[in-house]
Amino acid sequence: MTVRRLYAPGLPEEGGAVVLGEASSRHVRVLRLQVGETVVLFDGEGRAATARVESIANDVVCVAEPPVAAATRRARLVLMLAIPKGSKLDDCVRAATELGVDEVLLMQTERTVPRWDSERTRARLDRLTRIASEAAAQCERDDMPVVHAPRPPCAWLEEMPATAKGLLFSARAEGTVTLERTTEQVWCALGPEGGFTEDEVLLFERSGFSVASLGTRVLRVETAVPAALAIVADRLGDVRQAR
């Protein structure tokens, strides 16, 4: 029997009663889980706990055992992504979660079409967090990526650790991806539908990024993201653990 996984941030260290949030509570009711059933709660930060459904009245309450931390992963994966049009960002965040990304740094590039105003940014980020939590539950991951509000590439690059390996993925580029299996952190950058400008490419290269190929075909962003992340996973020798 499949044990359902539910997102529950802030799991108590010693275990105990956990009141589920709106999304997880709705999930419990849609699945018609019953009082007494066993579930797994994960906090999105790498901890999970076996729990029992205690109440499905006004609030859905579970009684959890003390949470257990997932094994530490060797490589941290950061996705720098220019905001795509429409619902494509939802697909990108979902794929990034399933493929082990730790952070999604949204970028406002020169050719980025969508422009987020300050009033709607919080609501958009909340939606993306919900999508990431659902994807993490599905792929049995105990943590999930943090999605950050859009900033220009130069602002994000200032925060990149000196020890991180940077890869700028581009259609029809000639560079190949070379990574040591001992690499501790990888930053992957993917541009908007119109691509990065020459000045932006130079900015990345001056920040230590290598230009990497995604093949001879021009891919949609929702295809390019999982393709790039799969290449990185392959070069790392699949050392990253699923959780």
C-alpha atoms as a PDB file:
ATOM      1  CA  MET A   1       0.000   0.000   0.000  1.00  0.00           C
ATOM      2  CA  THR A   2       1.313   3.432  -0.958  1.00  0.00           C
ATOM      3  CA  VAL A   3       2.021   5.736   1.972  1.00  0.00           C
ATOM      4  CA  ARG A   4       0.999   9.274   1.049  1.00  0.00           C
ATOM      5  CA  ARG A   5       3.488  12.116   1.445  1.00  0.00           C
ATOM      6  CA  LEU A   6       2.295  15.524   2.631  1.00  0.00           C
ATOM      7  CA  TYR A   7       4.092  18.858   2.879  1.00  0.00           C
ATOM      8  CA  ALA A   8       4.211  20.159   6.450  1.00  0.00           C
ATOM      9  CA  PRO A   9       6.728  22.959   7.102  1.00  0.00           C
ATOM     10  CA  GLY A  10       7.979  23.419  10.648  1.00  0.00           C
ATOM     11  CA  LEU A  11       7.886  19.820  11.874  1.00  0.00           C
ATOM     12  CA  PRO A  12       8.366  19.753  15.678  1.00  0.00           C
ATOM     13  CA  GLU A  13      11.757  18.407  16.738  1.00  0.00           C
ATOM     14  CA  GLU A  14      10.294  16.020  19.300  1.00  0.00           C
ATOM     15  CA  GLY A  15       7.324  14.993  17.193  1.00  0.00           C
ATOM     16  CA  GLY A  16       3.711  15.561  18.194  1.00  0.00           C
ATOM     17  CA  ALA A  17       0.608  17.175  16.738  1.00  0.00           C
ATOM     18  CA  VAL A  18       0.958  18.875  13.350  1.00  0.00           C
ATOM     19  CA  VAL A  19      -1.849  20.961  11.851  1.00  0.00           C
ATOM     20  CA  LEU A  20      -1.632  20.699   8.072  1.00  0.00           C
ATOM     21  CA  GLY A  21      -1.824  23.723   5.815  1.00  0.00           C
ATOM     22  CA  GLU A  22      -4.567  24.383   3.294  1.00  0.00           C
ATOM     23  CA  ALA A  23      -2.974  22.566   0.338  1.00  0.00           C
ATOM     24  CA  SER A  24      -2.035  19.412   2.279  1.00  0.00           C
ATOM     25  CA  SER A  25      -5.416  19.371   4.039  1.00  0.00           C
ATOM     26  CA  ARG A  26      -7.168  19.520   0.686  1.00  0.00           C
ATOM     27  CA  HIS A  27      -4.952  16.671  -0.512  1.00  0.00           C
ATOM     28  CA  VAL A  28      -6.012  14.548   2.478  1.00  0.00           C
ATOM     29  CA  ARG A  29      -9.686  15.107   1.716  1.00  0.00           C
ATOM     30  CA  VAL A  30      -9.339  14.514  -2.030  1.00  0.00           C
ATOM     31  CA  LEU A  31      -7.563  11.213  -1.344  1.00  0.00           C
ATOM     32  CA  ARG A  32     -10.235  10.352   1.241  1.00  0.00           C
ATOM     33  CA  LEU A  33      -7.659   9.429   3.838  1.00  0.00           C
ATOM     34  CA  GLN A  34      -9.142   8.175   7.080  1.00  0.00           C
ATOM     35  CA  VAL A  35      -8.330   8.786  10.730  1.00  0.00           C
ATOM     36  CA  GLY A  36      -5.649   6.337  11.794  1.00  0.00           C
ATOM     37  CA  GLU A  37      -3.981   6.065   8.383  1.00  0.00           C
ATOM     38  CA  THR A  38      -0.202   6.390   8.180  1.00  0.00           C
ATOM     39  CA  VAL A  39       1.344   9.209   6.140  1.00  0.00           C
ATOM     40  CA  VAL A  40       4.789  10.735   5.722  1.00  0.00           C
ATOM     41  CA  LEU A  41       5.189  14.438   6.473  1.00  0.00           C
ATOM     42  CA  PHE A  42       8.134  16.337   4.976  1.00  0.00           C
ATOM     43  CA  ASP A  43       9.132  19.896   5.788  1.00  0.00           C
ATOM     44  CA  GLY A  44      10.772  20.910   2.493  1.00  0.00           C
ATOM     45  CA  GLU A  45      14.109  21.412   4.261  1.00  0.00           C
ATOM     46  CA  GLY A  46      15.335  17.823   4.206  1.00  0.00           C
ATOM     47  CA  ARG A  47      13.453  16.286   7.142  1.00  0.00           C
ATOM     48  CA  ALA A  48      10.617  13.761   7.121  1.00  0.00           C
ATOM     49  CA  ALA A  49       8.508  12.047   9.771  1.00  0.00           C
ATOM     50  CA  THR A  50       6.127   9.126   9.836  1.00  0.00           C
ATOM     51  CA  ALA A  51       2.754  10.297  11.136  1.00  0.00           C
ATOM     52  CA  ARG A  52      -0.800   9.159  11.809  1.00  0.00           C
ATOM     53  CA  VAL A  53      -3.908  11.062  10.742  1.00  0.00           C
ATOM     54  CA  GLU A  54      -5.544  12.107  14.007  1.00  0.00           C
ATOM     55  CA  SER A  55      -8.420  14.329  12.928  1.00  0.00           C
ATOM     56  CA  ILE A  56     -10.156  15.423   9.717  1.00  0.00           C
ATOM     57  CA  ALA A  57     -12.612  17.885  11.213  1.00  0.00           C
ATOM     58  CA  ASN A  58     -12.189  21.627  10.730  1.00  0.00           C
ATOM     59  CA  ASP A  59      -8.405  21.224  10.638  1.00  0.00           C
ATOM     60  CA  VAL A  60      -6.519  18.161   9.467  1.00  0.00           C
ATOM     61  CA  VAL A  61      -4.256  17.121  12.336  1.00  0.00           C
ATOM     62  CA  CYS A  62      -1.561  14.450  12.260  1.00  0.00           C
ATOM     63  CA  VAL A  63       0.513  13.071  15.116  1.00  0.00           C
ATOM     64  CA  ALA A  64       4.104  12.788  13.950  1.00  0.00           C
ATOM     65  CA  GLU A  65       7.136  10.913  15.175  1.00  0.00           C
ATOM     66  CA  PRO A  66      10.391  12.894  15.585  1.00  0.00           C
ATOM     67  CA  PRO A  67      11.569  13.896  12.093  1.00  0.00           C
ATOM     68  CA  VAL A  68      14.645  12.352  10.514  1.00  0.00           C
ATOM     69  CA  ALA A  69      17.050  14.379   8.369  1.00  0.00           C
ATOM     70  CA  ALA A  70      17.870  13.165   4.867  1.00  0.00           C
ATOM     71  CA  ALA A  71      21.427  12.212   3.980  1.00  0.00           C
ATOM     72  CA  THR A  72      23.641  15.150   2.989  1.00  0.00           C
ATOM     73  CA  ARG A  73      24.128  15.496  -0.740  1.00  0.00           C
ATOM     74  CA  ARG A  74      27.551  16.120  -2.223  1.00  0.00           C
ATOM     75  CA  ALA A  75      26.649  18.708  -4.853  1.00  0.00           C
ATOM     76  CA  ARG A  76      24.360  21.705  -4.474  1.00  0.00           C
ATOM     77  CA  LEU A  77      22.480  22.638  -7.647  1.00  0.00           C
ATOM     78  CA  VAL A  78      21.310  26.184  -8.402  1.00  0.00           C
ATOM     79  CA  LEU A  79      19.181  27.073 -11.431  1.00  0.00           C
ATOM     80  CA  MET A  80      19.375  30.628 -12.788  1.00  0.00           C
ATOM     81  CA  LEU A  81      16.327  31.000 -15.012  1.00  0.00           C
ATOM     82  CA  ALA A  82      15.054  33.941 -17.042  1.00  0.00           C
ATOM     83  CA  ILE A  83      11.302  34.224 -16.472  1.00  0.00           C
ATOM     84  CA  PRO A  84       9.493  32.459 -19.341  1.00  0.00           C
ATOM     85  CA  LYS A  85       6.086  33.371 -20.715  1.00  0.00           C
ATOM     86  CA  GLY A  86       2.768  32.018 -19.473  1.00  0.00           C
ATOM     87  CA  SER A  87       2.595  28.804 -17.477  1.00  0.00           C
ATOM     88  CA  LYS A  88       5.987  27.541 -18.650  1.00  0.00           C
ATOM     89  CA  LEU A  89       7.549  28.610 -15.363  1.00  0.00           C
ATOM     90  CA  ASP A  90       5.278  26.166 -13.520  1.00  0.00           C
ATOM     91  CA  ASP A  91       6.624  23.312 -15.650  1.00  0.00           C
ATOM     92  CA  CYS A  92      10.215  24.453 -15.132  1.00  0.00           C
ATOM     93  CA  VAL A  93       9.889  24.590 -11.333  1.00  0.00           C
ATOM     94  CA  ARG A  94       8.209  21.189 -11.307  1.00  0.00           C
ATOM     95  CA  ALA A  95      11.022  19.644 -13.383  1.00  0.00           C
ATOM     96  CA  ALA A  96      13.709  21.402 -11.344  1.00  0.00           C
ATOM     97  CA  THR A  97      12.254  19.956  -8.147  1.00  0.00           C
ATOM     98  CA  GLU A  98      12.136  16.435  -9.547  1.00  0.00           C
ATOM     99  CA  LEU A  99      15.735  16.716 -10.780  1.00  0.00           C
ATOM    100  CA  GLY A 100      17.166  17.867  -7.459  1.00  0.00           C
ATOM    101  CA  VAL A 101      17.606  21.644  -7.784  1.00  0.00           C
ATOM    102  CA  ASP A 102      18.179  23.383  -4.438  1.00  0.00           C
ATOM    103  CA  GLU A 103      17.469  26.981  -5.451  1.00  0.00           C
ATOM    104  CA  VAL A 104      15.782  28.678  -8.398  1.00  0.00           C
ATOM    105  CA  LEU A 105      17.078  32.195  -9.009  1.00  0.00           C
ATOM    106  CA  LEU A 106      14.651  33.939 -11.340  1.00  0.00           C
ATOM    107  CA  MET A 107      16.242  36.476 -13.672  1.00  0.00           C
ATOM    108  CA  GLN A 108      14.969  39.621 -15.333  1.00  0.00           C
ATOM    109  CA  THR A 109      17.169  39.791 -18.445  1.00  0.00           C
ATOM    110  CA  GLU A 110      17.188  42.323 -21.267  1.00  0.00           C
ATOM    111  CA  ARG A 111      15.024  40.081 -23.455  1.00  0.00           C
ATOM    112  CA  THR A 112      12.725  38.810 -20.714  1.00  0.00           C
ATOM    113  CA  VAL A 113       9.143  39.542 -21.768  1.00  0.00           C
ATOM    114  CA  PRO A 114       7.181  39.011 -18.506  1.00  0.00           C
ATOM    115  CA  ARG A 115       7.620  41.824 -15.991  1.00  0.00           C
ATOM    116  CA  TRP A 116       6.583  41.126 -12.425  1.00  0.00           C
ATOM    117  CA  ASP A 117       5.250  44.028 -10.396  1.00  0.00           C
ATOM    118  CA  SER A 118       5.919  44.114  -6.668  1.00  0.00           C
ATOM    119  CA  GLU A 119       2.251  43.624  -5.765  1.00  0.00           C
ATOM    120  CA  ARG A 120       1.933  40.280  -7.560  1.00  0.00           C
ATOM    121  CA  THR A 121       5.397  38.869  -6.902  1.00  0.00           C
ATOM    122  CA  ARG A 122       4.491  37.422  -3.490  1.00  0.00           C
ATOM    123  CA  ALA A 123       1.436  35.632  -4.874  1.00  0.00           C
ATOM    124  CA  ARG A 124       3.453  34.219  -7.777  1.00  0.00           C
ATOM    125  CA  LEU A 125       6.193  32.952  -5.454  1.00  0.00           C
ATOM    126  CA  ASP A 126       3.606  31.347  -3.171  1.00  0.00           C
ATOM    127  CA  ARG A 127       2.164  29.529  -6.179  1.00  0.00           C
ATOM    128  CA  LEU A 128       5.600  28.294  -7.260  1.00  0.00           C
ATOM    129  CA  THR A 129       6.341  27.113  -3.718  1.00  0.00           C
ATOM    130  CA  ARG A 130       3.114  25.129  -3.767  1.00  0.00           C
ATOM    131  CA  ILE A 131       4.062  23.577  -7.118  1.00  0.00           C
ATOM    132  CA  ALA A 132       7.500  22.662  -5.747  1.00  0.00           C
ATOM    133  CA  SER A 133       5.970  21.061  -2.642  1.00  0.00           C
ATOM    134  CA  GLU A 134       3.596  18.970  -4.756  1.00  0.00           C
ATOM    135  CA  ALA A 135       6.464  17.852  -7.000  1.00  0.00           C
ATOM    136  CA  ALA A 136       8.612  17.004  -3.965  1.00  0.00           C
ATOM    137  CA  ALA A 137       5.811  14.878  -2.528  1.00  0.00           C
ATOM    138  CA  GLN A 138       5.411  13.038  -5.832  1.00  0.00           C
ATOM    139  CA  CYS A 139       9.126  12.306  -6.348  1.00  0.00           C
ATOM    140  CA  GLU A 140       9.707  11.343  -2.687  1.00  0.00           C
ATOM    141  CA  ARG A 141      12.040  14.214  -1.955  1.00  0.00           C
ATOM    142  CA  ASP A 142      12.196  15.541   1.613  1.00  0.00           C
ATOM    143  CA  ASP A 143      13.496  18.974   0.679  1.00  0.00           C
ATOM    144  CA  MET A 144      12.509  21.278  -2.153  1.00  0.00           C
ATOM    145  CA  PRO A 145      13.981  24.254  -3.975  1.00  0.00           C
ATOM    146  CA  VAL A 146      13.577  27.793  -2.728  1.00  0.00           C
ATOM    147  CA  VAL A 147      12.280  30.016  -5.547  1.00  0.00           C
ATOM    148  CA  HIS A 148      13.575  33.587  -5.362  1.00  0.00           C
ATOM    149  CA  ALA A 149      12.042  36.777  -6.756  1.00  0.00           C
ATOM    150  CA  PRO A 150      13.459  38.053 -10.063  1.00  0.00           C
ATOM    151  CA  ARG A 151      16.682  40.046 -10.096  1.00  0.00           C
ATOM    152  CA  PRO A 152      19.088  41.044 -12.886  1.00  0.00           C
ATOM    153  CA  PRO A 153      21.793  38.456 -13.663  1.00  0.00           C
ATOM    154  CA  CYS A 154      24.530  40.729 -12.304  1.00  0.00           C
ATOM    155  CA  ALA A 155      22.859  40.818  -8.877  1.00  0.00           C
ATOM    156  CA  TRP A 156      22.741  37.025  -8.621  1.00  0.00           C
ATOM    157  CA  LEU A 157      26.287  36.593  -9.919  1.00  0.00           C
ATOM    158  CA  GLU A 158      27.598  38.761  -7.094  1.00  0.00           C
ATOM    159  CA  GLU A 159      26.328  36.102  -4.660  1.00  0.00           C
ATOM    160  CA  MET A 160      27.884  33.129  -6.442  1.00  0.00           C
ATOM    161  CA  PRO A 161      30.525  31.378  -4.294  1.00  0.00           C
ATOM    162  CA  ALA A 162      34.026  31.331  -5.716  1.00  0.00           C
ATOM    163  CA  THR A 163      34.111  27.537  -5.461  1.00  0.00           C
ATOM    164  CA  ALA A 164      30.939  27.024  -7.534  1.00  0.00           C
ATOM    165  CA  LYS A 165      31.050  25.819 -11.131  1.00  0.00           C
ATOM    166  CA  GLY A 166      29.009  27.947 -13.543  1.00  0.00           C
ATOM    167  CA  LEU A 167      27.407  26.646 -16.750  1.00  0.00           C
ATOM    168  CA  LEU A 168      25.538  28.819 -19.244  1.00  0.00           C
ATOM    169  CA  PHE A 169      23.426  26.595 -21.488  1.00  0.00           C
ATOM    170  CA  SER A 170      22.730  27.782 -25.012  1.00  0.00           C
ATOM    171  CA  ALA A 171      21.323  26.415 -28.253  1.00  0.00           C
ATOM    172  CA  ARG A 172      23.933  25.648 -30.905  1.00  0.00           C
ATOM    173  CA  ALA A 173      26.808  26.349 -28.528  1.00  0.00           C
ATOM    174  CA  GLU A 174      29.920  24.257 -29.047  1.00  0.00           C
ATOM    175  CA  GLY A 175      31.039  23.849 -25.449  1.00  0.00           C
ATOM    176  CA  THR A 176      30.696  20.559 -23.603  1.00  0.00           C
ATOM    177  CA  VAL A 177      29.963  20.062 -19.928  1.00  0.00           C
ATOM    178  CA  THR A 178      32.904  18.885 -17.849  1.00  0.00           C
ATOM    179  CA  LEU A 179      32.407  18.408 -14.119  1.00  0.00           C
ATOM    180  CA  GLU A 180      34.431  16.679 -11.461  1.00  0.00           C
ATOM    181  CA  ARG A 181      32.446  14.231  -9.389  1.00  0.00           C
ATOM    182  CA  THR A 182      33.738  16.023  -6.310  1.00  0.00           C
ATOM    183  CA  THR A 183      32.148  19.319  -7.409  1.00  0.00           C
ATOM    184  CA  GLU A 184      30.364  20.861  -4.425  1.00  0.00           C
ATOM    185  CA  GLN A 185      28.103  23.368  -6.180  1.00  0.00           C
ATOM    186  CA  VAL A 186      26.894  23.915  -9.755  1.00  0.00           C
ATOM    187  CA  TRP A 187      25.069  26.988 -11.078  1.00  0.00           C
ATOM    188  CA  CYS A 188      23.145  26.447 -14.343  1.00  0.00           C
ATOM    189  CA  ALA A 189      21.921  29.478 -16.301  1.00  0.00           C
ATOM    190  CA  LEU A 190      19.228  29.400 -18.988  1.00  0.00           C
ATOM    191  CA  GLY A 191      18.084  32.506 -20.819  1.00  0.00           C
ATOM    192  CA  PRO A 192      14.785  33.813 -22.186  1.00  0.00           C
ATOM    193  CA  GLU A 193      13.125  32.678 -25.407  1.00  0.00           C
ATOM    194  CA  GLY A 194      15.183  35.214 -27.357  1.00  0.00           C
ATOM    195  CA  GLY A 195      18.420  34.134 -25.694  1.00  0.00           C
ATOM    196  CA  PHE A 196      20.946  36.153 -23.724  1.00  0.00           C
ATOM    197  CA  THR A 197      22.403  39.286 -25.300  1.00  0.00           C
ATOM    198  CA  GLU A 198      26.108  39.376 -26.157  1.00  0.00           C
ATOM    199  CA  ASP A 199      26.750  41.641 -23.181  1.00  0.00           C
ATOM    200  CA  GLU A 200      24.986  39.202 -20.851  1.00  0.00           C
ATOM    201  CA  VAL A 201      26.995  36.263 -22.194  1.00  0.00           C
ATOM    202  CA  LEU A 202      30.188  38.258 -21.572  1.00  0.00           C
ATOM    203  CA  LEU A 203      28.991  39.005 -18.043  1.00  0.00           C
ATOM    204  CA  PHE A 204      28.561  35.303 -17.323  1.00  0.00           C
ATOM    205  CA  GLU A 205      31.905  34.413 -18.879  1.00  0.00           C
ATOM    206  CA  ARG A 206      33.681  37.074 -16.816  1.00  0.00           C
ATOM    207  CA  SER A 207      32.040  35.533 -13.752  1.00  0.00           C
ATOM    208  CA  GLY A 208      33.652  32.194 -14.574  1.00  0.00           C
ATOM    209  CA  PHE A 209      30.799  30.505 -16.434  1.00  0.00           C
ATOM    210  CA  SER A 210      31.489  28.067 -19.254  1.00  0.00           C
ATOM    211  CA  VAL A 211      29.139  28.109 -22.248  1.00  0.00           C
ATOM    212  CA  ALA A 212      27.609  24.647 -22.673  1.00  0.00           C
ATOM    213  CA  SER A 213      25.668  23.107 -25.536  1.00  0.00           C
ATOM    214  CA  LEU A 214      22.141  21.726 -25.424  1.00  0.00           C
ATOM    215  CA  GLY A 215      22.585  20.154 -28.850  1.00  0.00           C
ATOM    216  CA  THR A 216      21.853  21.281 -32.388  1.00  0.00           C
ATOM    217  CA  ARG A 217      18.126  21.892 -31.884  1.00  0.00           C
ATOM    218  CA  VAL A 218      16.457  24.963 -30.412  1.00  0.00           C
ATOM    219  CA  LEU A 219      14.503  23.768 -27.376  1.00  0.00           C
ATOM    220  CA  ARG A 220      11.535  25.287 -25.623  1.00  0.00           C
ATOM    221  CA  VAL A 221      12.437  26.458 -22.137  1.00  0.00           C
ATOM    222  CA  GLU A 222      10.276  23.778 -20.499  1.00  0.00           C
ATOM    223  CA  THR A 223      12.349  21.203 -22.428  1.00  0.00           C
ATOM    224  CA  ALA A 224      15.697  22.959 -22.034  1.00  0.00           C
ATOM    225  CA  VAL A 225      15.524  23.048 -18.230  1.00  0.00           C
ATOM    226  CA  PRO A 226      15.222  19.271 -17.653  1.00  0.00           C
ATOM    227  CA  ALA A 227      17.662  18.609 -20.517  1.00  0.00           C
ATOM    228  CA  ALA A 228      20.329  20.823 -18.942  1.00  0.00           C
ATOM    229  CA  LEU A 229      19.788  19.400 -15.469  1.00  0.00           C
ATOM    230  CA  ALA A 230      19.955  15.835 -16.798  1.00  0.00           C
ATOM    231  CA  ILE A 231      23.296  16.610 -18.452  1.00  0.00           C
ATOM    232  CA  VAL A 232      24.643  17.945 -15.159  1.00  0.00           C
ATOM    233  CA  ALA A 233      23.411  14.888 -13.250  1.00  0.00           C
ATOM    234  CA  ASP A 234      25.096  12.627 -15.789  1.00  0.00           C
ATOM    235  CA  ARG A 235      28.421  14.476 -15.574  1.00  0.00           C
ATOM    236  CA  LEU A 236      28.334  14.315 -11.792  1.00  0.00           C
ATOM    237  CA  GLY A 237      27.988  10.560 -12.057  1.00  0.00           C
ATOM    238  CA  ASP A 238      24.528  10.668 -10.506  1.00  0.00           C
ATOM    239  CA  VAL A 239      26.123  11.286  -7.110  1.00  0.00           C
ATOM    240  CA  ARG A 240      23.187  13.385  -5.956  1.00  0.00           C
ATOM    241  CA  GLN A 241      20.744  11.443  -3.861  1.00  0.00           C
ATOM    242  CA  ALA A 242      17.032  11.713  -4.592  1.00  0.00           C
ATOM    243  CA  ARG A 243      16.317  13.252  -1.191  1.00  0.00           C
END
